[in-house]
Amino acid sequence: MSNISIIGGGLAGLVSALLLKRAGHNVLLIERKTYPFHRVCGEYISNEVRPFMERHGFLPDMPLPQIKEFLLSGTGGKMSQTKLDLGGFGVSRFTLDNHLYELAKAEGVKVAHEKVLDCTFASGHFKVKTGPTNTHSRCGDRRLRQALQSGSSTEATLLHKALPLHRGEIPRAHRSSHRSNCLAQFFRWILRY
């Protein structure tokens, strides 16, 4: 059983935490904010992922409005409208993220409400330095066997700096110079072991 840490508790982080926990891993989710909280988001999810979300119980038990058209309006009053091929549904990130958070806690995902200050890689381990998000939080260093990133660009930058992409620790077939690709490749690489 692997110990896996996920930095960032947005949709990608929460869904990854749940799937990894269900696959038998010990999972720590590091999110600086306390749920529930609001996010700046369009609150639209494509129907393309709805079967996946339903199959895993990731959607809250409530009516979700269907969205079938896209309307773009300009400041001058001009508007353009088009149908969405697959369509989608609307759901508040406040509601959805909190639902996934409660589900993750219930399934045994550990959650630390701390801010990630730095992430380094040495001797086959990631070291994630966390700090307080407010005066009541503790701070410290977490020594982790693996660290997977899902979240904001700040967190992606921290983990990207820690990844040993140019030192040979990750097999050549899984190296990439593109940040988002590198994290996806790293995720696939670590799940194989």
N, C-alpha and C. Protein backbone atom coordinates (compact mmCIF):
# COMPACT_ATOMS: atom_id res chain seq x y z
N MET A 1 0.84 -1.17 0.00
CA MET A 1 0.00 0.00 0.00
C MET A 1 0.89 1.24 0.00
N SER A 2 0.65 2.16 -0.92
CA SER A 2 1.45 3.37 -1.05
C SER A 2 0.87 4.50 -0.22
N ASN A 3 1.74 5.37 0.25
CA ASN A 3 1.32 6.62 0.87
C ASN A 3 1.39 7.68 -0.21
N ILE A 4 0.27 8.32 -0.48
CA ILE A 4 0.21 9.30 -1.55
C ILE A 4 -0.34 10.60 -0.99
N SER A 5 0.32 11.70 -1.33
CA SER A 5 -0.15 13.01 -0.94
C SER A 5 -0.60 13.75 -2.19
N ILE A 6 -1.72 14.44 -2.08
CA ILE A 6 -2.23 15.24 -3.18
C ILE A 6 -2.29 16.69 -2.71
N ILE A 7 -1.63 17.55 -3.46
CA ILE A 7 -1.61 18.97 -3.12
C ILE A 7 -2.72 19.65 -3.90
N GLY A 8 -3.69 20.18 -3.18
CA GLY A 8 -4.80 20.90 -3.80
C GLY A 8 -6.08 20.11 -3.78
N GLY A 9 -7.11 20.65 -3.15
CA GLY A 9 -8.37 19.95 -2.99
C GLY A 9 -9.50 20.49 -3.85
N GLY A 10 -9.20 20.77 -5.12
CA GLY A 10 -10.26 21.12 -6.07
C GLY A 10 -10.85 19.83 -6.62
N LEU A 11 -11.54 19.93 -7.74
CA LEU A 11 -12.17 18.73 -8.32
C LEU A 11 -11.16 17.64 -8.62
N ALA A 12 -10.05 17.99 -9.27
CA ALA A 12 -9.04 16.98 -9.62
C ALA A 12 -8.44 16.35 -8.37
N GLY A 13 -8.13 17.15 -7.38
CA GLY A 13 -7.54 16.63 -6.15
C GLY A 13 -8.50 15.74 -5.38
N LEU A 14 -9.74 16.16 -5.25
CA LEU A 14 -10.73 15.38 -4.50
C LEU A 14 -11.06 14.06 -5.21
N VAL A 15 -11.27 14.13 -6.52
CA VAL A 15 -11.58 12.90 -7.28
C VAL A 15 -10.38 11.95 -7.25
N SER A 16 -9.17 12.48 -7.43
CA SER A 16 -7.96 11.64 -7.36
C SER A 16 -7.83 10.99 -5.99
N ALA A 17 -8.07 11.76 -4.94
CA ALA A 17 -7.97 11.22 -3.57
C ALA A 17 -8.95 10.07 -3.37
N LEU A 18 -10.17 10.24 -3.83
CA LEU A 18 -11.18 9.19 -3.67
C LEU A 18 -10.81 7.94 -4.47
N LEU A 19 -10.41 8.11 -5.72
CA LEU A 19 -10.08 6.95 -6.55
C LEU A 19 -8.86 6.20 -6.01
N LEU A 20 -7.85 6.95 -5.56
CA LEU A 20 -6.65 6.32 -5.01
C LEU A 20 -6.95 5.61 -3.69
N LYS A 21 -7.78 6.20 -2.85
CA LYS A 21 -8.17 5.56 -1.59
C LYS A 21 -8.94 4.27 -1.88
N ARG A 22 -9.84 4.32 -2.84
CA ARG A 22 -10.61 3.12 -3.20
C ARG A 22 -9.71 2.04 -3.81
N ALA A 23 -8.58 2.45 -4.37
CA ALA A 23 -7.62 1.48 -4.94
C ALA A 23 -6.69 0.93 -3.87
N GLY A 24 -6.88 1.34 -2.61
CA GLY A 24 -6.12 0.76 -1.51
C GLY A 24 -4.94 1.56 -1.02
N HIS A 25 -4.79 2.80 -1.46
CA HIS A 25 -3.66 3.62 -1.03
C HIS A 25 -4.03 4.46 0.19
N ASN A 26 -3.02 4.78 1.00
CA ASN A 26 -3.19 5.76 2.07
C ASN A 26 -3.05 7.13 1.41
N VAL A 27 -4.05 7.98 1.59
CA VAL A 27 -4.06 9.26 0.89
C VAL A 27 -4.16 10.42 1.87
N LEU A 28 -3.29 11.40 1.66
CA LEU A 28 -3.34 12.66 2.38
C LEU A 28 -3.63 13.75 1.36
N LEU A 29 -4.69 14.50 1.58
CA LEU A 29 -5.06 15.62 0.73
C LEU A 29 -4.70 16.91 1.46
N ILE A 30 -3.87 17.74 0.85
CA ILE A 30 -3.47 19.00 1.47
C ILE A 30 -4.20 20.13 0.76
N GLU A 31 -5.07 20.81 1.48
CA GLU A 31 -5.86 21.93 0.96
C GLU A 31 -5.81 23.06 1.97
N ARG A 32 -5.42 24.24 1.52
CA ARG A 32 -5.23 25.35 2.46
C ARG A 32 -6.54 25.90 3.02
N LYS A 33 -7.64 25.77 2.27
CA LYS A 33 -8.92 26.31 2.73
C LYS A 33 -9.73 25.24 3.45
N THR A 34 -10.68 25.69 4.26
CA THR A 34 -11.57 24.78 4.97
C THR A 34 -12.89 24.70 4.21
N TYR A 35 -13.35 23.47 3.94
CA TYR A 35 -14.61 23.26 3.22
C TYR A 35 -15.78 23.58 4.14
N PRO A 36 -16.91 24.00 3.59
CA PRO A 36 -17.13 24.38 2.19
C PRO A 36 -16.66 25.81 1.95
N PHE A 37 -16.26 26.10 0.71
CA PHE A 37 -15.87 27.46 0.34
C PHE A 37 -16.21 27.70 -1.13
N HIS A 38 -16.36 28.96 -1.46
CA HIS A 38 -16.72 29.33 -2.83
C HIS A 38 -15.46 29.41 -3.69
N ARG A 39 -15.62 29.09 -4.97
CA ARG A 39 -14.55 29.21 -5.96
C ARG A 39 -15.08 30.03 -7.14
N VAL A 40 -14.18 30.75 -7.77
CA VAL A 40 -14.55 31.43 -9.01
C VAL A 40 -14.58 30.34 -10.08
N CYS A 41 -15.76 30.07 -10.62
CA CYS A 41 -15.91 28.95 -11.55
C CYS A 41 -17.20 29.14 -12.33
N GLY A 42 -17.21 28.67 -13.57
CA GLY A 42 -18.40 28.73 -14.39
C GLY A 42 -19.48 27.78 -13.93
N GLU A 43 -19.13 26.82 -13.11
CA GLU A 43 -20.05 25.84 -12.53
C GLU A 43 -20.81 25.05 -13.60
N TYR A 44 -20.10 24.73 -14.69
CA TYR A 44 -20.64 23.92 -15.78
C TYR A 44 -19.77 22.68 -15.90
N ILE A 45 -20.41 21.52 -15.97
CA ILE A 45 -19.70 20.26 -16.18
C ILE A 45 -20.31 19.57 -17.39
N SER A 46 -19.46 19.17 -18.32
CA SER A 46 -19.91 18.53 -19.55
C SER A 46 -20.56 17.18 -19.26
N ASN A 47 -21.59 16.85 -20.03
CA ASN A 47 -22.24 15.54 -19.90
C ASN A 47 -21.29 14.41 -20.26
N GLU A 48 -20.18 14.74 -20.90
CA GLU A 48 -19.17 13.73 -21.24
C GLU A 48 -18.68 12.99 -20.00
N VAL A 49 -18.59 13.67 -18.86
CA VAL A 49 -18.07 13.04 -17.65
C VAL A 49 -19.18 12.60 -16.68
N ARG A 50 -20.42 12.89 -17.02
CA ARG A 50 -21.52 12.55 -16.10
C ARG A 50 -21.58 11.05 -15.77
N PRO A 51 -21.47 10.14 -16.76
CA PRO A 51 -21.51 8.71 -16.40
C PRO A 51 -20.40 8.32 -15.40
N PHE A 52 -19.21 8.86 -15.59
CA PHE A 52 -18.11 8.60 -14.66
C PHE A 52 -18.46 9.11 -13.27
N MET A 53 -18.96 10.34 -13.19
CA MET A 53 -19.30 10.94 -11.90
C MET A 53 -20.41 10.15 -11.20
N GLU A 54 -21.41 9.72 -11.96
CA GLU A 54 -22.52 8.95 -11.38
C GLU A 54 -22.06 7.57 -10.95
N ARG A 55 -21.25 6.91 -11.77
CA ARG A 55 -20.77 5.56 -11.46
C ARG A 55 -20.00 5.52 -10.14
N HIS A 56 -19.28 6.59 -9.85
CA HIS A 56 -18.46 6.62 -8.63
C HIS A 56 -19.15 7.34 -7.48
N GLY A 57 -20.39 7.78 -7.67
CA GLY A 57 -21.11 8.45 -6.60
C GLY A 57 -20.58 9.84 -6.29
N PHE A 58 -20.02 10.51 -7.30
CA PHE A 58 -19.39 11.81 -7.08
C PHE A 58 -20.36 12.99 -7.18
N LEU A 59 -21.59 12.76 -7.63
CA LEU A 59 -22.54 13.87 -7.76
C LEU A 59 -23.44 13.94 -6.53
N PRO A 60 -23.71 15.15 -6.05
CA PRO A 60 -24.63 15.28 -4.91
C PRO A 60 -26.03 14.84 -5.31
N ASP A 61 -26.79 14.34 -4.34
CA ASP A 61 -28.15 13.86 -4.57
C ASP A 61 -29.10 15.05 -4.58
N MET A 62 -29.19 15.69 -5.74
CA MET A 62 -30.04 16.87 -5.89
C MET A 62 -30.29 17.08 -7.38
N PRO A 63 -31.36 17.79 -7.73
CA PRO A 63 -31.60 18.07 -9.16
C PRO A 63 -30.50 18.97 -9.70
N LEU A 64 -29.95 18.61 -10.86
CA LEU A 64 -28.89 19.38 -11.49
C LEU A 64 -29.42 19.95 -12.80
N PRO A 65 -29.46 21.28 -12.95
CA PRO A 65 -30.02 21.88 -14.16
C PRO A 65 -29.21 21.52 -15.40
N GLN A 66 -29.92 21.17 -16.47
CA GLN A 66 -29.29 20.83 -17.74
C GLN A 66 -28.98 22.11 -18.52
N ILE A 67 -27.81 22.14 -19.14
CA ILE A 67 -27.39 23.28 -19.94
C ILE A 67 -27.18 22.76 -21.37
N LYS A 68 -27.96 23.31 -22.31
CA LYS A 68 -27.93 22.82 -23.69
C LYS A 68 -27.45 23.86 -24.69
N GLU A 69 -27.39 25.12 -24.26
CA GLU A 69 -26.98 26.19 -25.16
C GLU A 69 -25.97 27.11 -24.48
N PHE A 70 -25.14 27.73 -25.30
CA PHE A 70 -24.14 28.68 -24.83
C PHE A 70 -24.50 30.05 -25.40
N LEU A 71 -24.57 31.05 -24.55
CA LEU A 71 -24.89 32.40 -24.97
C LEU A 71 -23.75 33.33 -24.55
N LEU A 72 -23.18 34.02 -25.53
CA LEU A 72 -22.10 34.97 -25.27
C LEU A 72 -22.62 36.36 -25.57
N SER A 73 -22.49 37.25 -24.59
CA SER A 73 -22.94 38.62 -24.81
C SER A 73 -21.78 39.58 -24.59
N GLY A 74 -21.74 40.62 -25.38
CA GLY A 74 -20.71 41.63 -25.27
C GLY A 74 -21.22 42.85 -24.53
N THR A 75 -20.30 43.73 -24.17
CA THR A 75 -20.68 44.93 -23.43
C THR A 75 -21.51 45.88 -24.29
N GLY A 76 -21.40 45.77 -25.60
CA GLY A 76 -22.18 46.62 -26.50
C GLY A 76 -23.58 46.09 -26.77
N GLY A 77 -23.96 45.00 -26.16
CA GLY A 77 -25.30 44.44 -26.33
C GLY A 77 -25.40 43.36 -27.39
N LYS A 78 -24.33 43.10 -28.14
CA LYS A 78 -24.37 42.04 -29.15
C LYS A 78 -24.33 40.69 -28.46
N MET A 79 -25.05 39.73 -29.06
CA MET A 79 -25.09 38.40 -28.47
C MET A 79 -24.91 37.35 -29.56
N SER A 80 -24.32 36.24 -29.16
CA SER A 80 -24.17 35.09 -30.05
C SER A 80 -24.55 33.85 -29.25
N GLN A 81 -25.28 32.96 -29.89
CA GLN A 81 -25.78 31.77 -29.21
C GLN A 81 -25.52 30.54 -30.05
N THR A 82 -25.19 29.43 -29.39
CA THR A 82 -24.98 28.17 -30.09
C THR A 82 -25.41 27.01 -29.21
N LYS A 83 -25.80 25.94 -29.86
CA LYS A 83 -26.15 24.72 -29.11
C LYS A 83 -24.88 23.99 -28.71
N LEU A 84 -24.90 23.34 -27.57
CA LEU A 84 -23.78 22.54 -27.10
C LEU A 84 -24.05 21.10 -27.49
N ASP A 85 -23.16 20.50 -28.27
CA ASP A 85 -23.37 19.13 -28.77
C ASP A 85 -23.70 18.15 -27.66
N LEU A 86 -22.84 18.07 -26.65
CA LEU A 86 -23.06 17.13 -25.56
C LEU A 86 -23.90 17.72 -24.45
N GLY A 87 -23.88 19.03 -24.34
CA GLY A 87 -24.58 19.67 -23.25
C GLY A 87 -23.87 19.39 -21.93
N GLY A 88 -24.47 19.84 -20.90
CA GLY A 88 -23.86 19.64 -19.59
C GLY A 88 -24.86 19.95 -18.50
N PHE A 89 -24.35 20.12 -17.29
CA PHE A 89 -25.21 20.44 -16.17
C PHE A 89 -24.51 21.46 -15.29
N GLY A 90 -25.31 22.17 -14.55
CA GLY A 90 -24.77 23.18 -13.65
C GLY A 90 -24.79 22.66 -12.21
N VAL A 91 -23.72 22.95 -11.50
CA VAL A 91 -23.66 22.60 -10.08
C VAL A 91 -22.71 23.57 -9.40
N SER A 92 -23.11 24.04 -8.26
CA SER A 92 -22.28 24.96 -7.48
C SER A 92 -21.02 24.25 -7.01
N ARG A 93 -19.85 24.89 -7.22
CA ARG A 93 -18.60 24.30 -6.73
C ARG A 93 -18.61 24.24 -5.20
N PHE A 94 -19.27 25.18 -4.56
CA PHE A 94 -19.44 25.16 -3.11
C PHE A 94 -20.07 23.83 -2.69
N THR A 95 -21.13 23.44 -3.40
CA THR A 95 -21.87 22.21 -3.10
C THR A 95 -21.09 20.97 -3.54
N LEU A 96 -20.59 20.97 -4.77
CA LEU A 96 -19.91 19.79 -5.32
C LEU A 96 -18.62 19.49 -4.56
N ASP A 97 -17.78 20.50 -4.35
CA ASP A 97 -16.52 20.27 -3.64
C ASP A 97 -16.77 19.79 -2.22
N ASN A 98 -17.78 20.38 -1.55
CA ASN A 98 -18.07 19.95 -0.19
C ASN A 98 -18.59 18.51 -0.17
N HIS A 99 -19.42 18.15 -1.15
CA HIS A 99 -19.91 16.77 -1.25
C HIS A 99 -18.74 15.79 -1.41
N LEU A 100 -17.81 16.11 -2.30
CA LEU A 100 -16.65 15.24 -2.53
C LEU A 100 -15.75 15.19 -1.30
N TYR A 101 -15.59 16.32 -0.62
CA TYR A 101 -14.80 16.38 0.61
C TYR A 101 -15.39 15.48 1.69
N GLU A 102 -16.70 15.59 1.91
CA GLU A 102 -17.37 14.76 2.92
C GLU A 102 -17.27 13.28 2.56
N LEU A 103 -17.40 12.97 1.27
CA LEU A 103 -17.27 11.59 0.80
C LEU A 103 -15.84 11.08 1.05
N ALA A 104 -14.86 11.91 0.73
CA ALA A 104 -13.45 11.52 0.93
C ALA A 104 -13.17 11.26 2.41
N LYS A 105 -13.64 12.14 3.28
CA LYS A 105 -13.44 11.94 4.73
C LYS A 105 -14.10 10.64 5.19
N ALA A 106 -15.32 10.41 4.73
CA ALA A 106 -16.05 9.20 5.12
C ALA A 106 -15.35 7.93 4.66
N GLU A 107 -14.62 8.02 3.54
CA GLU A 107 -13.92 6.84 3.01
C GLU A 107 -12.48 6.72 3.52
N GLY A 108 -12.07 7.62 4.41
CA GLY A 108 -10.77 7.47 5.05
C GLY A 108 -9.63 8.30 4.47
N VAL A 109 -9.92 9.23 3.58
CA VAL A 109 -8.88 10.14 3.09
C VAL A 109 -8.56 11.11 4.23
N LYS A 110 -7.28 11.26 4.54
CA LYS A 110 -6.87 12.23 5.56
C LYS A 110 -6.73 13.59 4.87
N VAL A 111 -7.21 14.64 5.55
CA VAL A 111 -7.16 15.98 4.98
C VAL A 111 -6.41 16.89 5.94
N ALA A 112 -5.42 17.61 5.41
CA ALA A 112 -4.67 18.60 6.18
C ALA A 112 -4.99 19.97 5.60
N HIS A 113 -5.53 20.85 6.43
CA HIS A 113 -5.82 22.22 5.99
C HIS A 113 -4.60 23.06 6.28
N GLU A 114 -3.65 22.98 5.36
CA GLU A 114 -2.38 23.69 5.49
C GLU A 114 -2.00 24.26 4.14
N LYS A 115 -1.13 25.26 4.16
CA LYS A 115 -0.63 25.87 2.94
C LYS A 115 0.69 25.22 2.58
N VAL A 116 0.85 24.83 1.31
CA VAL A 116 2.11 24.25 0.85
C VAL A 116 3.07 25.39 0.54
N LEU A 117 4.21 25.39 1.22
CA LEU A 117 5.22 26.43 1.03
C LEU A 117 6.29 26.01 0.04
N ASP A 118 6.61 24.71 0.03
CA ASP A 118 7.65 24.22 -0.85
C ASP A 118 7.50 22.71 -1.01
N CYS A 119 8.05 22.19 -2.09
CA CYS A 119 8.03 20.76 -2.35
C CYS A 119 9.36 20.41 -3.01
N THR A 120 10.12 19.52 -2.38
CA THR A 120 11.42 19.14 -2.91
C THR A 120 11.50 17.62 -3.02
N PHE A 121 12.41 17.14 -3.86
CA PHE A 121 12.60 15.71 -4.06
C PHE A 121 14.06 15.37 -3.78
N ALA A 122 14.29 14.40 -2.89
CA ALA A 122 15.65 13.96 -2.58
C ALA A 122 15.59 12.53 -2.05
N SER A 123 16.57 11.73 -2.43
CA SER A 123 16.69 10.35 -1.93
C SER A 123 15.42 9.54 -2.12
N GLY A 124 14.75 9.73 -3.24
CA GLY A 124 13.57 8.93 -3.53
C GLY A 124 12.31 9.35 -2.81
N HIS A 125 12.34 10.48 -2.13
CA HIS A 125 11.18 10.95 -1.38
C HIS A 125 10.90 12.42 -1.70
N PHE A 126 9.63 12.78 -1.62
CA PHE A 126 9.25 14.18 -1.69
C PHE A 126 9.16 14.70 -0.27
N LYS A 127 9.57 15.93 -0.08
CA LYS A 127 9.40 16.60 1.20
C LYS A 127 8.54 17.82 0.92
N VAL A 128 7.38 17.85 1.54
CA VAL A 128 6.45 18.94 1.35
C VAL A 128 6.47 19.79 2.61
N LYS A 129 6.85 21.05 2.46
CA LYS A 129 6.87 21.96 3.60
C LYS A 129 5.55 22.71 3.63
N THR A 130 4.86 22.61 4.75
CA THR A 130 3.57 23.28 4.89
C THR A 130 3.68 24.36 5.96
N GLY A 131 2.78 25.29 5.87
CA GLY A 131 2.75 26.38 6.85
C GLY A 131 1.33 26.68 7.23
N PRO A 132 1.17 27.53 8.22
CA PRO A 132 -0.18 27.84 8.71
C PRO A 132 -0.99 28.60 7.67
N THR A 133 -2.29 28.32 7.65
CA THR A 133 -3.20 29.09 6.80
C THR A 133 -3.84 30.20 7.62
N ASN A 134 -3.77 30.04 8.95
CA ASN A 134 -4.24 31.08 9.87
C ASN A 134 -3.52 30.89 11.20
N THR A 135 -3.84 31.66 12.18
CA THR A 135 -3.10 31.60 13.45
C THR A 135 -3.34 30.31 14.22
N HIS A 136 -4.38 29.55 13.90
CA HIS A 136 -4.68 28.32 14.63
C HIS A 136 -4.08 27.07 13.99
N SER A 137 -3.47 27.23 12.81
CA SER A 137 -2.91 26.07 12.12
C SER A 137 -1.50 25.80 12.59
N ARG A 138 -1.12 24.55 12.55
CA ARG A 138 0.26 24.20 12.88
C ARG A 138 1.06 24.23 11.58
N CYS A 139 2.36 24.25 11.69
CA CYS A 139 3.15 24.14 10.47
C CYS A 139 4.22 23.09 10.70
N GLY A 140 4.76 22.59 9.63
CA GLY A 140 5.78 21.57 9.77
C GLY A 140 6.19 21.04 8.42
N ASP A 141 7.04 20.01 8.45
CA ASP A 141 7.49 19.36 7.24
C ASP A 141 6.85 17.98 7.17
N ARG A 142 6.40 17.61 6.01
CA ARG A 142 5.84 16.28 5.80
C ARG A 142 6.78 15.53 4.88
N ARG A 143 7.26 14.37 5.31
CA ARG A 143 8.11 13.55 4.47
C ARG A 143 7.21 12.50 3.83
N LEU A 144 7.14 12.51 2.52
CA LEU A 144 6.19 11.68 1.80
C LEU A 144 6.90 10.77 0.82
N ARG A 145 6.43 9.57 0.71
CA ARG A 145 7.01 8.61 -0.24
C ARG A 145 6.69 9.02 -1.67
N GLN A 146 5.46 9.45 -1.92
CA GLN A 146 5.07 9.93 -3.23
C GLN A 146 4.27 11.21 -3.04
N ALA A 147 4.25 12.03 -4.03
CA ALA A 147 3.40 13.23 -4.01
C ALA A 147 2.82 13.42 -5.40
N LEU A 148 1.53 13.52 -5.47
CA LEU A 148 0.86 13.75 -6.74
C LEU A 148 0.20 15.11 -6.65
N GLN A 149 0.23 15.86 -7.73
CA GLN A 149 -0.30 17.20 -7.69
C GLN A 149 -1.58 17.31 -8.48
N SER A 150 -2.54 17.98 -7.91
CA SER A 150 -3.75 18.37 -8.61
C SER A 150 -4.14 19.70 -8.01
N GLY A 151 -4.15 20.73 -8.79
CA GLY A 151 -4.57 21.99 -8.21
C GLY A 151 -4.10 23.20 -8.98
N SER A 152 -3.86 24.26 -8.24
CA SER A 152 -3.59 25.55 -8.86
C SER A 152 -2.22 25.63 -9.49
N SER A 153 -2.01 26.68 -10.27
CA SER A 153 -0.72 26.84 -10.95
C SER A 153 0.41 27.06 -9.96
N THR A 154 0.13 27.68 -8.80
CA THR A 154 1.17 27.85 -7.78
C THR A 154 1.63 26.49 -7.30
N GLU A 155 0.68 25.61 -7.01
CA GLU A 155 1.02 24.27 -6.56
C GLU A 155 1.72 23.49 -7.66
N ALA A 156 1.29 23.66 -8.91
CA ALA A 156 1.94 22.97 -10.02
C ALA A 156 3.39 23.41 -10.15
N THR A 157 3.64 24.70 -9.96
CA THR A 157 5.00 25.21 -10.04
C THR A 157 5.86 24.63 -8.93
N LEU A 158 5.32 24.55 -7.72
CA LEU A 158 6.08 23.99 -6.60
C LEU A 158 6.46 22.55 -6.87
N LEU A 159 5.51 21.74 -7.33
CA LEU A 159 5.81 20.33 -7.56
C LEU A 159 6.69 20.17 -8.78
N HIS A 160 6.48 20.99 -9.80
CA HIS A 160 7.32 20.89 -11.00
C HIS A 160 8.78 21.12 -10.63
N LYS A 161 9.04 22.06 -9.73
CA LYS A 161 10.41 22.31 -9.29
C LYS A 161 10.98 21.08 -8.59
N ALA A 162 10.13 20.33 -7.93
CA ALA A 162 10.59 19.17 -7.17
C ALA A 162 10.80 17.93 -8.02
N LEU A 163 10.15 17.87 -9.18
CA LEU A 163 10.25 16.66 -9.99
C LEU A 163 11.66 16.53 -10.58
N PRO A 164 12.24 15.35 -10.52
CA PRO A 164 13.60 15.13 -11.01
C PRO A 164 13.64 14.85 -12.50
N LEU A 165 13.00 15.67 -13.30
CA LEU A 165 12.86 15.36 -14.72
C LEU A 165 14.18 15.37 -15.48
N HIS A 166 15.15 16.12 -15.01
CA HIS A 166 16.40 16.23 -15.76
C HIS A 166 17.56 15.53 -15.06
N ARG A 167 17.26 14.73 -14.04
CA ARG A 167 18.32 14.05 -13.31
C ARG A 167 18.27 12.53 -13.45
N GLY A 168 17.33 12.03 -14.22
CA GLY A 168 17.31 10.61 -14.52
C GLY A 168 16.53 9.74 -13.56
N GLU A 169 15.89 10.31 -12.52
CA GLU A 169 15.15 9.46 -11.59
C GLU A 169 13.86 8.92 -12.20
N ILE A 170 13.27 9.63 -13.14
CA ILE A 170 12.06 9.17 -13.81
C ILE A 170 12.45 8.63 -15.19
N PRO A 171 11.97 7.46 -15.57
CA PRO A 171 12.35 6.88 -16.85
C PRO A 171 12.16 7.84 -18.01
N ARG A 172 13.08 7.77 -19.00
CA ARG A 172 13.10 8.68 -20.14
C ARG A 172 11.74 8.74 -20.84
N ALA A 173 11.05 7.62 -20.98
CA ALA A 173 9.77 7.59 -21.68
C ALA A 173 8.73 8.45 -20.99
N HIS A 174 8.95 8.78 -19.72
CA HIS A 174 7.96 9.54 -18.97
C HIS A 174 8.39 10.98 -18.72
N ARG A 175 9.45 11.44 -19.37
CA ARG A 175 9.89 12.82 -19.22
C ARG A 175 9.14 13.72 -20.19
N SER A 176 8.94 14.94 -19.79
CA SER A 176 8.30 15.92 -20.65
C SER A 176 8.71 17.30 -20.19
N SER A 177 8.86 18.21 -21.14
CA SER A 177 9.22 19.57 -20.76
C SER A 177 7.98 20.41 -20.50
N HIS A 178 6.83 19.92 -20.87
CA HIS A 178 5.60 20.67 -20.66
C HIS A 178 5.06 20.34 -19.27
N ARG A 179 4.80 21.38 -18.45
CA ARG A 179 4.42 21.15 -17.05
C ARG A 179 3.20 20.28 -16.86
N SER A 180 2.10 20.59 -17.51
CA SER A 180 0.90 19.80 -17.27
C SER A 180 1.11 18.37 -17.74
N ASN A 181 1.83 18.19 -18.85
CA ASN A 181 2.14 16.86 -19.35
C ASN A 181 3.03 16.12 -18.36
N CYS A 182 3.99 16.84 -17.80
CA CYS A 182 4.93 16.20 -16.88
C CYS A 182 4.19 15.67 -15.66
N LEU A 183 3.21 16.42 -15.16
CA LEU A 183 2.48 15.96 -13.98
C LEU A 183 1.60 14.76 -14.33
N ALA A 184 0.98 14.79 -15.49
CA ALA A 184 0.16 13.65 -15.91
C ALA A 184 1.03 12.42 -16.11
N GLN A 185 2.19 12.58 -16.74
CA GLN A 185 3.11 11.47 -16.95
C GLN A 185 3.59 10.92 -15.60
N PHE A 186 3.90 11.82 -14.68
CA PHE A 186 4.37 11.39 -13.37
C PHE A 186 3.29 10.61 -12.64
N PHE A 187 2.04 11.07 -12.74
CA PHE A 187 0.92 10.38 -12.12
C PHE A 187 0.82 8.96 -12.66
N ARG A 188 0.90 8.82 -14.00
CA ARG A 188 0.83 7.47 -14.59
C ARG A 188 2.02 6.62 -14.17
N TRP A 189 3.20 7.23 -14.10
CA TRP A 189 4.41 6.50 -13.74
C TRP A 189 4.31 5.96 -12.31
N ILE A 190 3.86 6.79 -11.39
CA ILE A 190 3.83 6.38 -9.99
C ILE A 190 2.74 5.35 -9.73
N LEU A 191 1.63 5.41 -10.47
CA LEU A 191 0.55 4.43 -10.26
C LEU A 191 0.93 3.04 -10.74
N ARG A 192 1.94 2.94 -11.62
CA ARG A 192 2.37 1.62 -12.07
C ARG A 192 3.08 0.87 -10.96
N TYR A 193 3.60 1.55 -9.97
CA TYR A 193 4.39 0.92 -8.91
C TYR A 193 3.66 0.79 -7.62
